[in-house]
Amino acid sequence: MFPEKIEKAFDLTEQAIQLLKQSLDTSFLDAYTENGENIIDNYQVRVLDGVPDEQTVQQLKTIYQQLQAIELEPEEIRRLSQLILLKGNKAESLQANHQLTPDSIGFLFVYLIEQLYSPKQPLKILDIATGMGNLLLTIILNLNLAKYTVQGFGVDIDDTLLSVSATNSEWTNASIQLFHQDGLQDLLVDPVDVAVSDLPIGYYPNDEKAKEFDSVAKEGHSYAHHLLMEQAMKFVKPDGYGLFLIPTNILETEQSEFFKNWLQKNVYLQGMIQLPDELFKSVQSRKSILFVQNKGEYSEQVKEVLVAKLGSLKDPAKVTQFFQQFEAWKSSNLK
């Protein structure tokens, strides 16, 4: 269970968000962002044109006095924010592509990056479709705890989701720079070491733009998750890695040949890690982590592509078994 201080902070924060939601007559996510901005602004209640009213302001000030007395570390703040957002999502359902990436998957990304890079090397990490930012924030904060120097970059076209991400990044003092734009348009991002993303699944409507990519479909709309993966790897340095949460059947769909065209021309497919069935409601919704590497002087196609299935993220023995499998594979295949 979470420490008592997080439970107390959860109750107080949720009260503040509900007060703002009612007073501002707005959505949960907008109220969440407003509350976060108040906290970041040294727990000051922002009032515009008499809203929120004086009574609500006083209630918020009382809550903020109690919140200010609770000392939370950045990773504790992130977990607190995730709990609040998960509860808020139950009241105002988000579409599947807007859901938070679960912590268990985020920690797996952290583990994989730790296996690929030394803490001695400063890292830049890009999330091409960051959404509310939980995956990128989980990675940045936990690599910080492991003594990595790391900077994150996040891109998303949805301004509401990006506002949540910006609020949480600033609240935790994470080194993350965010860009509000279509991830498939021209990006002002310097080359990074690693690309990560819990990719949104669906079609990309701009067929003319899609023609610039090797994974473009010959007819009709192209899969956005194919294009976004290709785009992300364009901003990764030679020999750098991409870790993407993708549909497990990505190599078996009607557009898989176009995706394979990009894989063969531009990157090395080094592995695919199938996530536990317990995480997904149906066979169709199951996902895996695709593990690719940019071509470069120090990279090559591995002799044995990693194909692994995690039996469970709840069973420590099965997690340890996967770690051992990955580390044995790495020592035999990666330079």
C-alpha atoms as a PDB file:
ATOM      1  CA  MET A   1       0.000   0.000   0.000  1.00  0.00           C
ATOM      2  CA  PHE A   2       0.995   3.599  -0.377  1.00  0.00           C
ATOM      3  CA  PRO A   3       2.393   5.482   2.623  1.00  0.00           C
ATOM      4  CA  GLU A   4      -0.073   7.328   4.836  1.00  0.00           C
ATOM      5  CA  LYS A   5       1.229  10.698   3.644  1.00  0.00           C
ATOM      6  CA  ILE A   6       0.361   9.839   0.029  1.00  0.00           C
ATOM      7  CA  GLU A   7      -3.125   8.745   1.038  1.00  0.00           C
ATOM      8  CA  LYS A   8      -3.610  12.018   2.907  1.00  0.00           C
ATOM      9  CA  ALA A   9      -2.242  14.036  -0.014  1.00  0.00           C
ATOM     10  CA  PHE A  10      -4.550  12.105  -2.360  1.00  0.00           C
ATOM     11  CA  ASP A  11      -7.650  12.976  -0.316  1.00  0.00           C
ATOM     12  CA  LEU A  12      -6.715  16.653  -0.069  1.00  0.00           C
ATOM     13  CA  THR A  13      -5.768  16.980  -3.741  1.00  0.00           C
ATOM     14  CA  GLU A  14      -8.948  15.288  -4.877  1.00  0.00           C
ATOM     15  CA  GLN A  15     -11.002  17.670  -2.714  1.00  0.00           C
ATOM     16  CA  ALA A  16      -9.259  20.662  -4.273  1.00  0.00           C
ATOM     17  CA  ILE A  17      -9.826  19.374  -7.815  1.00  0.00           C
ATOM     18  CA  GLN A  18     -13.518  18.747  -7.178  1.00  0.00           C
ATOM     19  CA  LEU A  19     -13.926  22.258  -5.745  1.00  0.00           C
ATOM     20  CA  LEU A  20     -12.280  23.734  -8.855  1.00  0.00           C
ATOM     21  CA  LYS A  21     -14.278  21.516 -11.178  1.00  0.00           C
ATOM     22  CA  GLN A  22     -17.562  22.703  -9.678  1.00  0.00           C
ATOM     23  CA  SER A  23     -16.572  26.341  -9.283  1.00  0.00           C
ATOM     24  CA  LEU A  24     -15.075  26.693 -12.775  1.00  0.00           C
ATOM     25  CA  ASP A  25     -17.716  24.445 -14.379  1.00  0.00           C
ATOM     26  CA  THR A  26     -15.022  22.564 -16.241  1.00  0.00           C
ATOM     27  CA  SER A  27     -13.772  19.036 -16.960  1.00  0.00           C
ATOM     28  CA  PHE A  28     -11.824  16.926 -14.494  1.00  0.00           C
ATOM     29  CA  LEU A  29      -8.607  17.229 -16.520  1.00  0.00           C
ATOM     30  CA  ASP A  30      -8.883  21.009 -16.766  1.00  0.00           C
ATOM     31  CA  ALA A  31      -9.547  21.215 -13.019  1.00  0.00           C
ATOM     32  CA  TYR A  32      -6.580  18.903 -12.427  1.00  0.00           C
ATOM     33  CA  THR A  33      -4.335  21.235 -14.427  1.00  0.00           C
ATOM     34  CA  GLU A  34      -5.700  24.335 -12.665  1.00  0.00           C
ATOM     35  CA  ASN A  35      -5.012  22.758  -9.283  1.00  0.00           C
ATOM     36  CA  GLY A  36      -1.512  21.744 -10.334  1.00  0.00           C
ATOM     37  CA  GLU A  37      -0.753  25.261 -11.517  1.00  0.00           C
ATOM     38  CA  ASN A  38      -1.944  26.642  -8.170  1.00  0.00           C
ATOM     39  CA  ILE A  39       0.387  24.273  -6.331  1.00  0.00           C
ATOM     40  CA  ILE A  40       3.320  25.137  -8.604  1.00  0.00           C
ATOM     41  CA  ASP A  41       2.587  28.828  -7.981  1.00  0.00           C
ATOM     42  CA  ASN A  42       3.462  28.347  -4.325  1.00  0.00           C
ATOM     43  CA  TYR A  43      -0.061  27.155  -3.432  1.00  0.00           C
ATOM     44  CA  GLN A  44      -1.709  30.371  -4.554  1.00  0.00           C
ATOM     45  CA  VAL A  45      -5.321  30.249  -5.753  1.00  0.00           C
ATOM     46  CA  ARG A  46      -5.684  31.885  -9.156  1.00  0.00           C
ATOM     47  CA  VAL A  47      -8.843  34.025  -9.456  1.00  0.00           C
ATOM     48  CA  LEU A  48     -10.045  35.413 -12.810  1.00  0.00           C
ATOM     49  CA  ASP A  49     -13.176  37.583 -13.081  1.00  0.00           C
ATOM     50  CA  GLY A  50     -14.301  36.560  -9.610  1.00  0.00           C
ATOM     51  CA  VAL A  51     -13.957  32.813 -10.295  1.00  0.00           C
ATOM     52  CA  PRO A  52     -13.578  30.815  -8.137  1.00  0.00           C
ATOM     53  CA  ASP A  53     -15.722  32.656  -5.619  1.00  0.00           C
ATOM     54  CA  GLU A  54     -14.454  33.787  -2.223  1.00  0.00           C
ATOM     55  CA  GLN A  55     -15.905  30.823  -0.333  1.00  0.00           C
ATOM     56  CA  THR A  56     -14.200  28.357  -2.656  1.00  0.00           C
ATOM     57  CA  VAL A  57     -10.950  30.318  -2.431  1.00  0.00           C
ATOM     58  CA  GLN A  58     -10.971  30.047   1.351  1.00  0.00           C
ATOM     59  CA  GLN A  59     -11.685  26.311   1.190  1.00  0.00           C
ATOM     60  CA  LEU A  60      -8.825  25.850  -1.242  1.00  0.00           C
ATOM     61  CA  LYS A  61      -6.455  27.864   0.930  1.00  0.00           C
ATOM     62  CA  THR A  62      -7.257  25.600   3.885  1.00  0.00           C
ATOM     63  CA  ILE A  63      -6.579  22.506   1.783  1.00  0.00           C
ATOM     64  CA  TYR A  64      -3.362  23.955   0.377  1.00  0.00           C
ATOM     65  CA  GLN A  65      -2.053  24.763   3.868  1.00  0.00           C
ATOM     66  CA  GLN A  66      -2.402  21.087   4.755  1.00  0.00           C
ATOM     67  CA  LEU A  67      -0.920  19.934   1.448  1.00  0.00           C
ATOM     68  CA  GLN A  68       2.061  22.234   1.803  1.00  0.00           C
ATOM     69  CA  ALA A  69       2.931  20.534   5.093  1.00  0.00           C
ATOM     70  CA  ILE A  70       3.245  17.130   3.401  1.00  0.00           C
ATOM     71  CA  GLU A  71       6.750  16.554   2.032  1.00  0.00           C
ATOM     72  CA  LEU A  72       6.758  14.399  -1.094  1.00  0.00           C
ATOM     73  CA  GLU A  73       9.655  13.295  -3.272  1.00  0.00           C
ATOM     74  CA  PRO A  74       9.278  13.710  -7.070  1.00  0.00           C
ATOM     75  CA  GLU A  75       8.474  10.016  -7.651  1.00  0.00           C
ATOM     76  CA  GLU A  76       5.897  10.155  -4.840  1.00  0.00           C
ATOM     77  CA  ILE A  77       4.278  13.155  -6.532  1.00  0.00           C
ATOM     78  CA  ARG A  78       4.163  11.249  -9.808  1.00  0.00           C
ATOM     79  CA  ARG A  79       2.475   8.275  -8.141  1.00  0.00           C
ATOM     80  CA  LEU A  80       0.041  10.608  -6.414  1.00  0.00           C
ATOM     81  CA  SER A  81      -0.818  12.250  -9.728  1.00  0.00           C
ATOM     82  CA  GLN A  82      -1.339   8.862 -11.362  1.00  0.00           C
ATOM     83  CA  LEU A  83      -3.753   7.757  -8.625  1.00  0.00           C
ATOM     84  CA  ILE A  84      -5.764  10.949  -8.999  1.00  0.00           C
ATOM     85  CA  LEU A  85      -5.862  10.740 -12.789  1.00  0.00           C
ATOM     86  CA  LEU A  86      -6.906   7.091 -12.682  1.00  0.00           C
ATOM     87  CA  LYS A  87      -9.795   7.901 -10.361  1.00  0.00           C
ATOM     88  CA  GLY A  88     -10.776  10.893 -12.470  1.00  0.00           C
ATOM     89  CA  ASN A  89     -10.790   8.707 -15.564  1.00  0.00           C
ATOM     90  CA  LYS A  90     -13.409   6.459 -13.988  1.00  0.00           C
ATOM     91  CA  ALA A  91     -15.747   9.429 -13.683  1.00  0.00           C
ATOM     92  CA  GLU A  92     -14.979  10.881 -17.121  1.00  0.00           C
ATOM     93  CA  SER A  93     -13.923   8.030 -19.390  1.00  0.00           C
ATOM     94  CA  LEU A  94     -11.059   8.743 -21.771  1.00  0.00           C
ATOM     95  CA  GLN A  95     -10.667   7.076 -25.150  1.00  0.00           C
ATOM     96  CA  ALA A  96      -8.222   4.159 -25.262  1.00  0.00           C
ATOM     97  CA  ASN A  97      -5.407   6.187 -26.860  1.00  0.00           C
ATOM     98  CA  HIS A  98      -5.561   8.716 -23.990  1.00  0.00           C
ATOM     99  CA  GLN A  99      -5.199   6.238 -21.122  1.00  0.00           C
ATOM    100  CA  LEU A 100      -2.244   6.406 -18.744  1.00  0.00           C
ATOM    101  CA  THR A 101       0.536   3.908 -19.364  1.00  0.00           C
ATOM    102  CA  PRO A 102       0.579   1.649 -16.251  1.00  0.00           C
ATOM    103  CA  ASP A 103       3.506   1.939 -13.851  1.00  0.00           C
ATOM    104  CA  SER A 104       4.388  -1.736 -14.278  1.00  0.00           C
ATOM    105  CA  ILE A 105       5.077  -1.123 -17.981  1.00  0.00           C
ATOM    106  CA  GLY A 106       6.889   2.145 -17.274  1.00  0.00           C
ATOM    107  CA  PHE A 107       9.239   0.410 -14.836  1.00  0.00           C
ATOM    108  CA  LEU A 108       9.956  -2.230 -17.478  1.00  0.00           C
ATOM    109  CA  PHE A 109      11.027   0.539 -19.878  1.00  0.00           C
ATOM    110  CA  VAL A 110      13.302   1.885 -17.126  1.00  0.00           C
ATOM    111  CA  TYR A 111      14.887  -1.541 -16.675  1.00  0.00           C
ATOM    112  CA  LEU A 112      15.527  -1.933 -20.411  1.00  0.00           C
ATOM    113  CA  ILE A 113      17.157   1.501 -20.703  1.00  0.00           C
ATOM    114  CA  GLU A 114      19.350   0.714 -17.695  1.00  0.00           C
ATOM    115  CA  GLN A 115      20.492  -2.452 -19.478  1.00  0.00           C
ATOM    116  CA  LEU A 116      21.357  -0.553 -22.651  1.00  0.00           C
ATOM    117  CA  TYR A 117      23.084   2.535 -21.215  1.00  0.00           C
ATOM    118  CA  SER A 118      25.516   3.288 -18.411  1.00  0.00           C
ATOM    119  CA  PRO A 119      24.727   5.971 -15.784  1.00  0.00           C
ATOM    120  CA  LYS A 120      27.998   7.610 -16.849  1.00  0.00           C
ATOM    121  CA  GLN A 121      26.413   8.599 -20.173  1.00  0.00           C
ATOM    122  CA  PRO A 122      24.006  11.583 -20.170  1.00  0.00           C
ATOM    123  CA  LEU A 123      20.819  10.591 -21.979  1.00  0.00           C
ATOM    124  CA  LYS A 124      18.225  12.377 -24.075  1.00  0.00           C
ATOM    125  CA  ILE A 125      14.908  10.558 -24.460  1.00  0.00           C
ATOM    126  CA  LEU A 126      12.050  11.377 -26.846  1.00  0.00           C
ATOM    127  CA  ASP A 127       8.394  10.348 -26.541  1.00  0.00           C
ATOM    128  CA  ILE A 128       6.765  11.105 -29.901  1.00  0.00           C
ATOM    129  CA  ALA A 129       3.188  10.754 -28.539  1.00  0.00           C
ATOM    130  CA  THR A 130       3.500  11.590 -24.868  1.00  0.00           C
ATOM    131  CA  GLY A 131      -0.177  12.143 -23.977  1.00  0.00           C
ATOM    132  CA  MET A 132      -0.478  12.838 -20.252  1.00  0.00           C
ATOM    133  CA  GLY A 133       3.193  11.967 -19.940  1.00  0.00           C
ATOM    134  CA  ASN A 134       3.151   9.192 -17.358  1.00  0.00           C
ATOM    135  CA  LEU A 135       5.476   6.898 -19.325  1.00  0.00           C
ATOM    136  CA  LEU A 136       8.088   9.584 -19.996  1.00  0.00           C
ATOM    137  CA  LEU A 137       7.850  10.963 -16.455  1.00  0.00           C
ATOM    138  CA  THR A 138       8.206   7.467 -14.952  1.00  0.00           C
ATOM    139  CA  ILE A 139      11.331   6.898 -17.032  1.00  0.00           C
ATOM    140  CA  ILE A 140      12.935  10.276 -16.290  1.00  0.00           C
ATOM    141  CA  LEU A 141      12.324  10.267 -12.521  1.00  0.00           C
ATOM    142  CA  ASN A 142      13.376   6.651 -11.991  1.00  0.00           C
ATOM    143  CA  LEU A 143      16.507   7.027 -14.078  1.00  0.00           C
ATOM    144  CA  ASN A 144      17.290  10.074 -11.936  1.00  0.00           C
ATOM    145  CA  LEU A 145      16.938   7.854  -8.862  1.00  0.00           C
ATOM    146  CA  ALA A 146      19.403   5.451 -10.488  1.00  0.00           C
ATOM    147  CA  LYS A 147      21.899   8.347 -10.835  1.00  0.00           C
ATOM    148  CA  TYR A 148      21.421   8.964 -14.561  1.00  0.00           C
ATOM    149  CA  THR A 149      21.619  12.468 -16.001  1.00  0.00           C
ATOM    150  CA  VAL A 150      18.676  12.519 -18.350  1.00  0.00           C
ATOM    151  CA  GLN A 151      16.572  15.005 -20.307  1.00  0.00           C
ATOM    152  CA  GLY A 152      13.179  14.187 -21.778  1.00  0.00           C
ATOM    153  CA  PHE A 153      11.319  15.535 -24.799  1.00  0.00           C
ATOM    154  CA  GLY A 154       7.618  14.962 -25.348  1.00  0.00           C
ATOM    155  CA  VAL A 155       5.357  15.699 -28.311  1.00  0.00           C
ATOM    156  CA  ASP A 156       1.573  15.595 -28.517  1.00  0.00           C
ATOM    157  CA  ILE A 157      -1.164  17.243 -30.565  1.00  0.00           C
ATOM    158  CA  ASP A 158      -3.794  17.202 -27.779  1.00  0.00           C
ATOM    159  CA  ASP A 159      -3.443  20.406 -25.758  1.00  0.00           C
ATOM    160  CA  THR A 160      -5.463  19.119 -22.782  1.00  0.00           C
ATOM    161  CA  LEU A 161      -3.318  16.007 -22.383  1.00  0.00           C
ATOM    162  CA  LEU A 162      -0.142  18.012 -22.892  1.00  0.00           C
ATOM    163  CA  SER A 163      -1.249  20.489 -20.198  1.00  0.00           C
ATOM    164  CA  VAL A 164      -1.509  17.593 -17.744  1.00  0.00           C
ATOM    165  CA  SER A 165       1.945  16.418 -18.793  1.00  0.00           C
ATOM    166  CA  ALA A 166       3.384  19.928 -18.402  1.00  0.00           C
ATOM    167  CA  THR A 167       1.803  20.314 -14.965  1.00  0.00           C
ATOM    168  CA  ASN A 168       3.219  17.022 -13.707  1.00  0.00           C
ATOM    169  CA  SER A 169       6.656  17.708 -15.178  1.00  0.00           C
ATOM    170  CA  GLU A 170       6.856  21.070 -13.449  1.00  0.00           C
ATOM    171  CA  TRP A 171       5.338  19.764 -10.217  1.00  0.00           C
ATOM    172  CA  THR A 172       8.052  17.071 -10.003  1.00  0.00           C
ATOM    173  CA  ASN A 173      10.831  19.359 -11.296  1.00  0.00           C
ATOM    174  CA  ALA A 174      11.537  16.843 -14.066  1.00  0.00           C
ATOM    175  CA  SER A 175      13.804  17.880 -16.917  1.00  0.00           C
ATOM    176  CA  ILE A 176      11.262  17.533 -19.721  1.00  0.00           C
ATOM    177  CA  GLN A 177      10.645  19.832 -22.693  1.00  0.00           C
ATOM    178  CA  LEU A 178       7.228  19.540 -24.332  1.00  0.00           C
ATOM    179  CA  PHE A 179       6.073  20.385 -27.858  1.00  0.00           C
ATOM    180  CA  HIS A 180       2.412  20.961 -28.770  1.00  0.00           C
ATOM    181  CA  GLN A 181       2.161  19.700 -32.329  1.00  0.00           C
ATOM    182  CA  ASP A 182       1.404  16.778 -34.612  1.00  0.00           C
ATOM    183  CA  GLY A 183       4.260  14.365 -34.046  1.00  0.00           C
ATOM    184  CA  LEU A 184       4.454  13.610 -37.764  1.00  0.00           C
ATOM    185  CA  GLN A 185       5.139  17.206 -38.761  1.00  0.00           C
ATOM    186  CA  ASP A 186       8.618  18.781 -38.692  1.00  0.00           C
ATOM    187  CA  LEU A 187       9.994  18.722 -35.144  1.00  0.00           C
ATOM    188  CA  LEU A 188      12.504  21.078 -33.544  1.00  0.00           C
ATOM    189  CA  VAL A 189      14.136  18.311 -31.520  1.00  0.00           C
ATOM    190  CA  ASP A 190      17.872  17.677 -31.383  1.00  0.00           C
ATOM    191  CA  PRO A 191      19.069  14.078 -31.880  1.00  0.00           C
ATOM    192  CA  VAL A 192      18.315  11.855 -28.875  1.00  0.00           C
ATOM    193  CA  ASP A 193      19.750   8.608 -27.535  1.00  0.00           C
ATOM    194  CA  VAL A 194      16.487   6.736 -27.058  1.00  0.00           C
ATOM    195  CA  ALA A 195      12.946   6.974 -28.405  1.00  0.00           C
ATOM    196  CA  VAL A 196      10.069   5.575 -26.334  1.00  0.00           C
ATOM    197  CA  SER A 197       6.323   5.697 -26.732  1.00  0.00           C
ATOM    198  CA  ASP A 198       3.024   4.065 -25.866  1.00  0.00           C
ATOM    199  CA  LEU A 199       1.866   4.613 -29.430  1.00  0.00           C
ATOM    200  CA  PRO A 200      -1.713   5.671 -30.246  1.00  0.00           C
ATOM    201  CA  ILE A 201      -3.354   3.064 -32.466  1.00  0.00           C
ATOM    202  CA  GLY A 202      -5.314   4.122 -35.526  1.00  0.00           C
ATOM    203  CA  TYR A 203      -5.145   5.778 -38.928  1.00  0.00           C
ATOM    204  CA  TYR A 204      -3.354   9.001 -39.850  1.00  0.00           C
ATOM    205  CA  PRO A 205      -5.689  11.256 -41.898  1.00  0.00           C
ATOM    206  CA  ASN A 206      -3.059  13.278 -43.797  1.00  0.00           C
ATOM    207  CA  ASP A 207      -2.262  11.025 -46.763  1.00  0.00           C
ATOM    208  CA  GLU A 208       0.040  13.585 -48.408  1.00  0.00           C
ATOM    209  CA  LYS A 209       2.242  13.807 -45.318  1.00  0.00           C
ATOM    210  CA  ALA A 210       2.219  10.031 -44.945  1.00  0.00           C
ATOM    211  CA  LYS A 211       3.805   9.705 -48.411  1.00  0.00           C
ATOM    212  CA  GLU A 212       7.055  11.036 -46.913  1.00  0.00           C
ATOM    213  CA  PHE A 213       7.432   7.820 -44.887  1.00  0.00           C
ATOM    214  CA  ASP A 214       8.646   4.355 -45.880  1.00  0.00           C
ATOM    215  CA  SER A 215       5.800   2.728 -43.911  1.00  0.00           C
ATOM    216  CA  VAL A 216       3.096   4.534 -45.924  1.00  0.00           C
ATOM    217  CA  ALA A 217       0.180   2.377 -47.094  1.00  0.00           C
ATOM    218  CA  LYS A 218      -0.229   1.965 -50.844  1.00  0.00           C
ATOM    219  CA  GLU A 219      -3.933   2.776 -50.618  1.00  0.00           C
ATOM    220  CA  GLY A 220      -6.062   4.621 -48.056  1.00  0.00           C
ATOM    221  CA  HIS A 221      -4.916   5.988 -44.700  1.00  0.00           C
ATOM    222  CA  SER A 222      -1.696   4.670 -43.157  1.00  0.00           C
ATOM    223  CA  TYR A 223      -1.432   3.416 -39.608  1.00  0.00           C
ATOM    224  CA  ALA A 224      -0.427   6.312 -37.360  1.00  0.00           C
ATOM    225  CA  HIS A 225       1.540   4.023 -35.026  1.00  0.00           C
ATOM    226  CA  HIS A 226       3.714   2.850 -37.930  1.00  0.00           C
ATOM    227  CA  LEU A 227       4.430   6.406 -39.050  1.00  0.00           C
ATOM    228  CA  LEU A 228       5.085   7.684 -35.518  1.00  0.00           C
ATOM    229  CA  MET A 229       7.605   4.935 -34.850  1.00  0.00           C
ATOM    230  CA  GLU A 230       9.413   5.744 -38.081  1.00  0.00           C
ATOM    231  CA  GLN A 231       9.335   9.461 -37.273  1.00  0.00           C
ATOM    232  CA  ALA A 232      10.687   8.934 -33.761  1.00  0.00           C
ATOM    233  CA  MET A 233      13.651   6.908 -34.996  1.00  0.00           C
ATOM    234  CA  LYS A 234      14.592   9.717 -37.398  1.00  0.00           C
ATOM    235  CA  PHE A 235      15.471  11.758 -34.304  1.00  0.00           C
ATOM    236  CA  VAL A 236      17.526   8.993 -32.667  1.00  0.00           C
ATOM    237  CA  LYS A 237      21.291   9.045 -33.078  1.00  0.00           C
ATOM    238  CA  PRO A 238      23.057   6.311 -35.094  1.00  0.00           C
ATOM    239  CA  ASP A 239      23.246   3.109 -33.003  1.00  0.00           C
ATOM    240  CA  GLY A 240      20.527   4.473 -30.684  1.00  0.00           C
ATOM    241  CA  TYR A 241      17.499   2.505 -29.560  1.00  0.00           C
ATOM    242  CA  GLY A 242      13.729   2.693 -29.813  1.00  0.00           C
ATOM    243  CA  LEU A 243      11.361   1.034 -27.339  1.00  0.00           C
ATOM    244  CA  PHE A 244       7.737   1.144 -28.419  1.00  0.00           C
ATOM    245  CA  LEU A 245       4.552  -0.228 -26.928  1.00  0.00           C
ATOM    246  CA  ILE A 246       2.725  -1.681 -29.923  1.00  0.00           C
ATOM    247  CA  PRO A 247      -0.071  -4.192 -30.738  1.00  0.00           C
ATOM    248  CA  THR A 248       1.297  -7.719 -30.387  1.00  0.00           C
ATOM    249  CA  ASN A 249      -0.038  -8.574 -33.863  1.00  0.00           C
ATOM    250  CA  ILE A 250       1.793  -5.661 -35.567  1.00  0.00           C
ATOM    251  CA  LEU A 251       3.605  -8.022 -37.959  1.00  0.00           C
ATOM    252  CA  GLU A 252       0.355  -9.740 -38.985  1.00  0.00           C
ATOM    253  CA  THR A 253      -1.988  -6.857 -39.905  1.00  0.00           C
ATOM    254  CA  GLU A 254      -3.144  -5.792 -43.371  1.00  0.00           C
ATOM    255  CA  GLN A 255      -0.499  -3.027 -43.331  1.00  0.00           C
ATOM    256  CA  SER A 256       2.321  -5.141 -41.905  1.00  0.00           C
ATOM    257  CA  GLU A 257       4.143  -5.313 -45.257  1.00  0.00           C
ATOM    258  CA  PHE A 258       4.537  -1.519 -45.272  1.00  0.00           C
ATOM    259  CA  PHE A 259       5.807  -1.581 -41.689  1.00  0.00           C
ATOM    260  CA  LYS A 260       8.279  -4.359 -42.559  1.00  0.00           C
ATOM    261  CA  ASN A 261       9.484  -2.235 -45.480  1.00  0.00           C
ATOM    262  CA  TRP A 262      10.560   0.474 -43.035  1.00  0.00           C
ATOM    263  CA  LEU A 263      12.108  -2.051 -40.625  1.00  0.00           C
ATOM    264  CA  GLN A 264      14.254  -3.634 -43.333  1.00  0.00           C
ATOM    265  CA  LYS A 265      15.421  -0.333 -44.825  1.00  0.00           C
ATOM    266  CA  ASN A 266      16.135   1.751 -41.752  1.00  0.00           C
ATOM    267  CA  VAL A 267      16.588  -0.119 -38.472  1.00  0.00           C
ATOM    268  CA  TYR A 268      17.497  -3.437 -36.914  1.00  0.00           C
ATOM    269  CA  LEU A 269      14.648  -5.327 -35.291  1.00  0.00           C
ATOM    270  CA  GLN A 270      16.439  -6.616 -32.210  1.00  0.00           C
ATOM    271  CA  GLY A 271      13.550  -7.954 -30.165  1.00  0.00           C
ATOM    272  CA  MET A 272       9.917  -8.130 -29.165  1.00  0.00           C
ATOM    273  CA  ILE A 273       8.762  -8.595 -25.582  1.00  0.00           C
ATOM    274  CA  GLN A 274       5.155  -9.737 -25.239  1.00  0.00           C
ATOM    275  CA  LEU A 275       3.522  -8.351 -22.127  1.00  0.00           C
ATOM    276  CA  PRO A 276       1.469 -10.528 -19.751  1.00  0.00           C
ATOM    277  CA  ASP A 277      -2.048 -11.421 -20.859  1.00  0.00           C
ATOM    278  CA  GLU A 278      -3.276 -10.334 -17.403  1.00  0.00           C
ATOM    279  CA  LEU A 279      -2.792  -6.675 -18.391  1.00  0.00           C
ATOM    280  CA  PHE A 280      -5.310  -6.774 -21.235  1.00  0.00           C
ATOM    281  CA  LYS A 281      -9.047  -7.381 -21.474  1.00  0.00           C
ATOM    282  CA  SER A 282      -8.985  -9.203 -24.817  1.00  0.00           C
ATOM    283  CA  VAL A 283      -6.666 -10.971 -27.257  1.00  0.00           C
ATOM    284  CA  GLN A 284      -7.056  -8.059 -29.687  1.00  0.00           C
ATOM    285  CA  SER A 285      -5.865  -5.510 -27.110  1.00  0.00           C
ATOM    286  CA  ARG A 286      -2.662  -7.340 -26.142  1.00  0.00           C
ATOM    287  CA  LYS A 287       0.560  -5.385 -26.533  1.00  0.00           C
ATOM    288  CA  SER A 288       4.284  -5.946 -26.736  1.00  0.00           C
ATOM    289  CA  ILE A 289       7.410  -3.822 -26.497  1.00  0.00           C
ATOM    290  CA  LEU A 290       9.152  -3.597 -29.857  1.00  0.00           C
ATOM    291  CA  PHE A 291      12.896  -3.151 -29.502  1.00  0.00           C
ATOM    292  CA  VAL A 292      14.693  -1.605 -32.510  1.00  0.00           C
ATOM    293  CA  GLN A 293      18.110  -0.059 -33.078  1.00  0.00           C
ATOM    294  CA  ASN A 294      19.232   2.519 -35.602  1.00  0.00           C
ATOM    295  CA  LYS A 295      21.895   1.486 -38.034  1.00  0.00           C
ATOM    296  CA  GLY A 296      25.354   2.888 -37.342  1.00  0.00           C
ATOM    297  CA  GLU A 297      29.029   2.160 -36.952  1.00  0.00           C
ATOM    298  CA  TYR A 298      28.585   0.170 -33.762  1.00  0.00           C
ATOM    299  CA  SER A 299      25.324  -1.660 -34.448  1.00  0.00           C
ATOM    300  CA  GLU A 300      24.352  -4.737 -36.428  1.00  0.00           C
ATOM    301  CA  GLN A 301      21.464  -7.130 -36.736  1.00  0.00           C
ATOM    302  CA  VAL A 302      21.688  -9.507 -33.793  1.00  0.00           C
ATOM    303  CA  LYS A 303      22.236 -13.193 -34.555  1.00  0.00           C
ATOM    304  CA  GLU A 304      19.231 -14.128 -32.433  1.00  0.00           C
ATOM    305  CA  VAL A 305      16.294 -11.712 -32.282  1.00  0.00           C
ATOM    306  CA  LEU A 306      14.935 -11.572 -28.738  1.00  0.00           C
ATOM    307  CA  VAL A 307      11.463 -13.102 -28.614  1.00  0.00           C
ATOM    308  CA  ALA A 308      10.224 -13.204 -25.053  1.00  0.00           C
ATOM    309  CA  LYS A 309       6.937 -13.368 -23.214  1.00  0.00           C
ATOM    310  CA  LEU A 310       6.589 -12.053 -19.699  1.00  0.00           C
ATOM    311  CA  GLY A 311       4.431 -14.510 -17.796  1.00  0.00           C
ATOM    312  CA  SER A 312       3.416 -11.960 -15.162  1.00  0.00           C
ATOM    313  CA  LEU A 313       4.441  -8.614 -13.726  1.00  0.00           C
ATOM    314  CA  LYS A 314       2.848  -9.537 -10.400  1.00  0.00           C
ATOM    315  CA  ASP A 315       4.954 -12.661  -9.807  1.00  0.00           C
ATOM    316  CA  PRO A 316       8.520 -11.714  -8.751  1.00  0.00           C
ATOM    317  CA  ALA A 317       9.866 -15.100  -9.844  1.00  0.00           C
ATOM    318  CA  LYS A 318       8.572 -14.652 -13.396  1.00  0.00           C
ATOM    319  CA  VAL A 319       9.904 -11.092 -13.567  1.00  0.00           C
ATOM    320  CA  THR A 320      13.316 -12.312 -12.385  1.00  0.00           C
ATOM    321  CA  GLN A 321      13.188 -15.084 -14.979  1.00  0.00           C
ATOM    322  CA  PHE A 322      12.639 -12.491 -17.716  1.00  0.00           C
ATOM    323  CA  PHE A 323      15.481 -10.316 -16.413  1.00  0.00           C
ATOM    324  CA  GLN A 324      17.815 -13.297 -16.540  1.00  0.00           C
ATOM    325  CA  GLN A 325      16.675 -14.152 -20.069  1.00  0.00           C
ATOM    326  CA  PHE A 326      17.197 -10.589 -21.280  1.00  0.00           C
ATOM    327  CA  GLU A 327      20.624 -10.222 -19.698  1.00  0.00           C
ATOM    328  CA  ALA A 328      21.799 -13.557 -21.129  1.00  0.00           C
ATOM    329  CA  TRP A 329      20.521 -12.522 -24.569  1.00  0.00           C
ATOM    330  CA  LYS A 330      22.181  -9.108 -24.300  1.00  0.00           C
ATOM    331  CA  SER A 331      25.592 -10.515 -23.399  1.00  0.00           C
ATOM    332  CA  SER A 332      25.454 -12.867 -26.402  1.00  0.00           C
ATOM    333  CA  ASN A 333      24.028 -10.482 -28.997  1.00  0.00           C
ATOM    334  CA  LEU A 334      24.631  -6.786 -28.342  1.00  0.00           C
ATOM    335  CA  LYS A 335      27.981  -5.094 -28.807  1.00  0.00           C
END
